[in-house]
Amino acid sequence: MKEADTRATYELTRLMMWELKEKKGFTIAEIAEAAGLSPKTVEKYPAEGCPTLPTSIAWIRHFRPAETMKYLAKQGGGLFVMLPESDGKVSKILEGLSALGTEFSDVVASVSRAISPASEGGSEITVGEAKDLLTEVNEVIEKAVALGEALKEVVNGRDKI
């Protein structure tokens, strides 16, 4: 593993351990149990090693550490917004928001690729790239309309959150 990768893994582990223990108040035993590890193993993180990727993912799914997720997203050049857990009628709204956000991030990524100096048109957007971008934008519009329809149901009193 490259030194930069090792440093990034250490920082991620340090942040997640701080967030789970200090900010959220979980004990080493609770953290260990969520990933099927012994407390002795978890006590060593990050000073004497880092968890495996499956362990980190198990913790993310179980504890939903927002600061850790923001850090990961930033490392990838993106952003992270934690949606609340929900079921029932409000989940339709949250699913719509999530789908809209995903499609919008696809547009941002496509524009970034299109204006990259290494792209087909260099820093200019070609006709072909514009056609591809238009397809992506139309997908955003479809998701926005679907979200708008779900909200209209609430406004019109057919559904309540």
Protein backbone atom coordinates (compact mmCIF):
# COMPACT_ATOMS: atom_id res chain seq x y z
CA MET A 1 0.00 0.00 0.00
CA LYS A 2 1.30 3.46 -0.88
CA GLU A 3 2.23 5.78 1.96
CA ALA A 4 -0.52 8.25 0.97
CA ASP A 5 -3.10 5.44 0.99
CA THR A 6 -1.89 4.26 4.39
CA ARG A 7 -2.14 7.81 5.72
CA ALA A 8 -5.67 8.21 4.31
CA THR A 9 -6.76 4.89 5.84
CA TYR A 10 -5.32 5.94 9.19
CA GLU A 11 -7.13 9.30 9.02
CA LEU A 12 -10.41 7.62 8.11
CA THR A 13 -10.07 5.15 10.99
CA ARG A 14 -9.08 7.89 13.43
CA LEU A 15 -12.07 9.99 12.41
CA MET A 16 -14.52 7.09 12.57
CA MET A 17 -13.29 5.96 16.00
CA TRP A 18 -13.52 9.53 17.32
CA GLU A 19 -17.00 9.97 15.89
CA LEU A 20 -18.32 6.68 17.22
CA LYS A 21 -16.76 6.93 20.68
CA GLU A 22 -16.59 10.63 21.48
CA LYS A 23 -19.34 12.20 19.41
CA LYS A 24 -21.93 9.40 19.43
CA GLY A 25 -20.96 7.83 22.76
CA PHE A 26 -20.63 4.19 21.72
CA THR A 27 -18.40 1.90 23.76
CA ILE A 28 -15.58 -0.20 22.33
CA ALA A 29 -17.71 -3.27 23.05
CA GLU A 30 -20.66 -1.88 21.04
CA ILE A 31 -18.41 -0.92 18.14
CA ALA A 32 -16.75 -4.33 18.16
CA GLU A 33 -20.06 -6.19 18.32
CA ALA A 34 -21.43 -4.36 15.27
CA ALA A 35 -18.63 -5.82 13.14
CA GLY A 36 -18.22 -9.16 14.89
CA LEU A 37 -14.83 -8.26 16.33
CA SER A 38 -13.35 -8.52 19.77
CA PRO A 39 -13.09 -5.35 21.85
CA LYS A 40 -9.32 -5.98 22.11
CA THR A 41 -9.02 -5.72 18.35
CA VAL A 42 -11.04 -2.52 18.13
CA GLU A 43 -9.12 -0.91 21.02
CA LYS A 44 -6.00 -0.96 18.85
CA TYR A 45 -7.53 1.15 16.04
CA PRO A 46 -5.96 3.30 14.65
CA ALA A 47 -2.77 3.29 16.74
CA GLU A 48 -1.84 -0.30 15.85
CA GLY A 49 -3.68 -0.87 12.62
CA CYS A 50 -6.86 -0.22 10.73
CA PRO A 51 -10.02 -2.24 10.14
CA THR A 52 -10.68 -4.04 6.90
CA LEU A 53 -12.95 -2.44 4.33
CA PRO A 54 -15.82 -4.86 5.16
CA THR A 55 -15.51 -3.88 8.84
CA SER A 56 -15.59 -0.17 8.01
CA ILE A 57 -18.63 -0.69 5.79
CA ALA A 58 -20.38 -2.64 8.55
CA TRP A 59 -19.80 0.27 10.94
CA ILE A 60 -21.00 2.82 8.39
CA ARG A 61 -24.21 0.86 7.81
CA HIS A 62 -24.81 0.24 11.50
CA PHE A 63 -23.81 3.58 13.06
CA ARG A 64 -24.28 6.02 10.13
CA PRO A 65 -21.29 8.25 11.03
CA ALA A 66 -22.02 11.48 9.14
CA GLU A 67 -18.62 13.12 9.73
CA THR A 68 -16.85 10.02 8.42
CA MET A 69 -19.07 9.95 5.35
CA LYS A 70 -18.44 13.64 4.67
CA TYR A 71 -14.70 12.94 4.85
CA LEU A 72 -15.00 10.04 2.40
CA ALA A 73 -17.09 12.06 -0.02
CA LYS A 74 -14.64 14.98 0.13
CA GLN A 75 -11.75 12.62 -0.62
CA GLY A 76 -13.62 11.56 -3.75
CA GLY A 77 -14.30 15.15 -4.80
CA GLY A 78 -17.95 15.07 -3.78
CA LEU A 79 -20.23 15.89 -0.93
CA PHE A 80 -22.41 13.91 1.42
CA VAL A 81 -25.77 14.78 2.88
CA MET A 82 -27.20 12.39 5.48
CA LEU A 83 -30.87 11.68 4.90
CA PRO A 84 -32.83 10.64 7.96
CA GLU A 85 -33.92 7.04 8.28
CA SER A 86 -37.58 6.70 7.51
CA ASP A 87 -40.33 4.37 6.54
CA GLY A 88 -43.86 4.90 5.41
CA LYS A 89 -44.99 7.89 3.40
CA VAL A 90 -42.03 10.15 4.05
CA SER A 91 -39.69 7.51 2.63
CA LYS A 92 -41.18 8.22 -0.82
CA ILE A 93 -40.04 11.84 -0.48
CA LEU A 94 -36.58 10.84 0.76
CA GLU A 95 -36.18 8.27 -2.02
CA GLY A 96 -37.11 10.99 -4.50
CA LEU A 97 -34.52 13.34 -3.02
CA SER A 98 -31.89 10.62 -3.15
CA ALA A 99 -32.68 9.78 -6.79
CA LEU A 100 -32.63 13.47 -7.73
CA GLY A 101 -29.30 13.98 -5.96
CA THR A 102 -27.80 10.96 -7.69
CA GLU A 103 -28.90 12.15 -11.13
CA PHE A 104 -27.66 15.67 -10.44
CA SER A 105 -24.25 14.34 -9.38
CA ASP A 106 -24.16 12.43 -12.68
CA VAL A 107 -24.66 15.72 -14.53
CA VAL A 108 -21.88 17.41 -12.56
CA ALA A 109 -19.54 14.49 -13.29
CA SER A 110 -20.45 14.54 -17.00
CA VAL A 111 -19.86 18.28 -17.29
CA SER A 112 -16.53 17.91 -15.50
CA ARG A 113 -15.46 15.20 -17.96
CA ALA A 114 -16.68 17.24 -20.93
CA ILE A 115 -14.67 20.35 -20.01
CA SER A 116 -11.56 18.43 -19.04
CA PRO A 117 -8.55 19.30 -21.22
CA ALA A 118 -8.28 15.57 -21.99
CA SER A 119 -11.85 15.38 -23.35
CA GLU A 120 -12.86 15.23 -27.02
CA GLY A 121 -13.23 19.02 -27.30
CA GLY A 122 -10.71 20.01 -24.67
CA SER A 123 -12.16 22.70 -22.46
CA GLU A 124 -14.96 23.31 -24.98
CA ILE A 125 -18.11 21.16 -25.05
CA THR A 126 -18.62 19.41 -28.38
CA VAL A 127 -22.00 18.71 -29.99
CA GLY A 128 -21.69 15.03 -29.04
CA GLU A 129 -20.84 15.88 -25.45
CA ALA A 130 -23.75 18.35 -25.33
CA LYS A 131 -26.14 15.63 -26.54
CA ASP A 132 -24.90 13.30 -23.81
CA LEU A 133 -25.26 16.08 -21.23
CA LEU A 134 -28.79 16.80 -22.41
CA THR A 135 -29.70 13.15 -21.79
CA GLU A 136 -28.29 13.45 -18.26
CA VAL A 137 -30.17 16.72 -17.65
CA ASN A 138 -33.42 15.14 -18.84
CA GLU A 139 -32.94 12.38 -16.26
CA VAL A 140 -32.62 15.07 -13.57
CA ILE A 141 -35.83 16.65 -14.81
CA GLU A 142 -37.66 13.29 -14.68
CA LYS A 143 -36.55 12.74 -11.06
CA ALA A 144 -37.48 16.31 -10.11
CA VAL A 145 -40.95 15.89 -11.63
CA ALA A 146 -41.46 12.60 -9.74
CA LEU A 147 -40.45 14.29 -6.49
CA GLY A 148 -42.76 17.21 -7.29
CA GLU A 149 -45.66 14.82 -7.86
CA ALA A 150 -45.08 13.16 -4.50
CA LEU A 151 -45.07 16.57 -2.81
CA LYS A 152 -48.22 17.65 -4.68
CA GLU A 153 -50.01 14.65 -3.18
CA VAL A 154 -49.20 16.02 0.26
CA VAL A 155 -50.21 19.57 -0.68
CA ASN A 156 -53.51 18.38 -2.16
CA GLY A 157 -54.28 16.42 0.98
CA ARG A 158 -54.30 12.99 -0.65
CA ASP A 159 -51.39 11.92 1.42
CA LYS A 160 -49.95 13.15 4.68
CA ILE A 161 -46.47 12.80 6.00
